[in-house]
């Protein structure tokens, strides 16, 4: 009976050792997989951050270019408004000169007719 019990105990011990070994192997495999996933996650986060940084830099450059264009257009509009004011002033002066010339011509024609 003792011999049988000892034999069963040895078999159970061997089985337990095998199960423990399997569990350790599975644990090692899971740790390796977790490590791989963490590495992949870190790589993906880095790539995402790099893409975000690049996009932000590109947007800043585009914003600067747009602001420069806007400043140029504002300057152009200001100069055009100034030019319009000058042209209006010149037109008024020309109209006044034309009125004076017409009056003078009218007076000259009256004088000539007499």
Protein backbone atom coordinates (compact mmCIF):
# COMPACT_ATOMS: atom_id res chain seq x y z
CA UNK A 1 0.00 0.00 0.00
CA UNK A 2 2.81 2.39 0.94
CA UNK A 3 4.64 1.55 -2.24
CA UNK A 4 1.50 2.23 -4.30
CA UNK A 5 0.89 5.51 -2.51
CA UNK A 6 4.52 6.56 -3.01
CA UNK A 7 4.26 5.67 -6.68
CA UNK A 8 1.07 7.73 -7.04
CA UNK A 9 2.74 10.59 -5.19
CA UNK A 10 5.69 10.48 -7.60
CA UNK A 11 3.35 10.47 -10.59
CA UNK A 12 1.37 13.39 -9.16
CA UNK A 13 4.60 15.27 -8.45
CA UNK A 14 5.74 14.69 -12.03
CA UNK A 15 2.35 15.82 -13.34
CA UNK A 16 2.47 18.90 -11.12
CA UNK A 17 5.99 19.72 -12.32
CA UNK A 18 4.86 19.34 -15.95
CA UNK A 19 1.85 21.59 -15.36
CA UNK A 20 4.06 24.15 -13.60
CA UNK A 21 6.54 24.02 -16.48
CA UNK A 22 3.73 24.53 -19.01
CA UNK A 23 2.39 27.45 -16.99
CA UNK A 24 5.84 29.01 -16.84
CA UNK A 25 6.24 28.60 -20.59
CA UNK A 26 2.82 30.17 -21.19
CA UNK A 27 3.65 32.99 -18.80
CA UNK A 28 6.94 33.61 -20.61
CA UNK A 29 5.15 33.57 -23.96
CA UNK A 30 2.50 36.01 -22.69
CA UNK A 31 5.18 38.32 -21.25
CA UNK A 32 6.98 38.25 -24.61
CA UNK A 33 3.74 39.05 -26.46
CA UNK A 34 2.91 41.86 -24.03
CA UNK A 35 6.39 43.28 -24.54
CA UNK A 36 5.92 43.09 -28.33
CA UNK A 37 2.54 44.84 -28.11
CA UNK A 38 4.01 47.55 -25.88
CA UNK A 39 6.84 48.09 -28.38
CA UNK A 40 4.37 48.27 -31.27
CA UNK A 41 2.16 50.67 -29.30
CA UNK A 42 5.13 52.91 -28.50
CA UNK A 43 6.19 52.86 -32.15
CA UNK A 44 2.67 53.73 -33.30
CA UNK A 45 2.46 56.56 -30.75
CA UNK A 46 5.83 57.90 -31.91
CA UNK A 47 4.77 57.76 -35.57
CA UNK A 48 1.49 59.47 -34.67
CA UNK A 49 3.31 62.20 -32.74
CA UNK A 50 5.80 62.68 -35.59
CA UNK A 51 2.96 62.99 -38.10
CA UNK A 52 1.17 65.44 -35.83
CA UNK A 53 4.31 67.55 -35.40
CA UNK A 54 4.92 67.55 -39.14
CA UNK A 55 1.30 68.54 -39.85
CA UNK A 56 1.50 71.34 -37.28
CA UNK A 57 4.71 72.68 -38.81
CA UNK A 58 3.20 72.52 -42.28
CA UNK A 59 0.08 74.35 -41.05
CA UNK A 60 2.19 77.03 -39.40
CA UNK A 61 4.07 77.60 -42.66
CA UNK A 62 0.78 77.80 -44.58
CA UNK A 63 -0.70 80.19 -42.01
CA UNK A 64 2.38 82.41 -42.28
CA UNK A 65 2.15 82.39 -46.07
CA UNK A 66 -1.56 83.29 -45.89
CA UNK A 67 -0.85 86.10 -43.44
CA UNK A 68 1.85 87.45 -45.77
CA UNK A 69 -0.58 87.32 -48.70
CA UNK A 70 -3.25 89.02 -46.61
CA UNK A 71 -0.83 91.77 -45.61
CA UNK A 72 0.15 92.30 -49.25
CA UNK A 73 -3.51 92.44 -50.29
CA UNK A 74 -4.32 94.91 -47.51
CA UNK A 75 -1.42 97.10 -48.62
CA UNK A 76 -2.56 96.84 -52.24
CA UNK A 77 -6.15 97.75 -51.27
CA UNK A 78 -4.91 100.75 -49.29
CA UNK A 79 -2.84 101.96 -52.21
CA UNK A 80 -5.80 101.45 -54.58
CA UNK A 81 -8.08 103.46 -52.27
CA UNK A 82 -5.49 106.23 -52.18
CA UNK A 83 -5.25 106.12 -55.97
CA UNK A 84 -9.07 106.34 -56.25
CA UNK A 85 -9.06 109.38 -53.97
CA UNK A 86 -6.39 111.04 -56.11
CA UNK A 87 -8.33 110.23 -59.27
CA UNK A 88 -11.53 111.68 -57.77
CA UNK A 89 -9.65 114.82 -56.81
CA UNK A 90 -8.10 115.09 -60.28
CA UNK A 91 -11.53 114.55 -61.89
CA UNK A 92 -13.03 117.32 -59.79
CA UNK A 93 -10.19 119.67 -60.72
CA UNK A 94 -10.63 118.79 -64.39
CA UNK A 95 -14.40 119.35 -64.16
CA UNK A 96 -13.82 122.74 -62.54
CA UNK A 97 -11.25 123.64 -65.21
CA UNK A 98 -13.68 122.51 -67.93
CA UNK A 99 -16.47 124.65 -66.44
CA UNK A 100 -14.13 127.63 -66.31
CA UNK A 101 -13.00 127.00 -69.88
CA UNK A 102 -16.63 126.73 -71.04
CA UNK A 103 -17.50 129.98 -69.26
CA UNK A 104 -14.49 131.69 -70.81
CA UNK A 105 -15.39 130.27 -74.22
CA UNK A 106 -18.97 131.46 -73.78
CA UNK A 107 -17.76 134.94 -72.89
CA UNK A 108 -15.36 134.96 -75.83
CA UNK A 109 -18.13 133.88 -78.20
CA UNK A 110 -20.39 136.65 -76.84
CA UNK A 111 -17.58 139.12 -77.26
CA UNK A 112 -16.91 137.92 -80.80
CA UNK A 113 -20.60 138.10 -81.75
CA UNK A 114 -20.76 141.78 -80.63
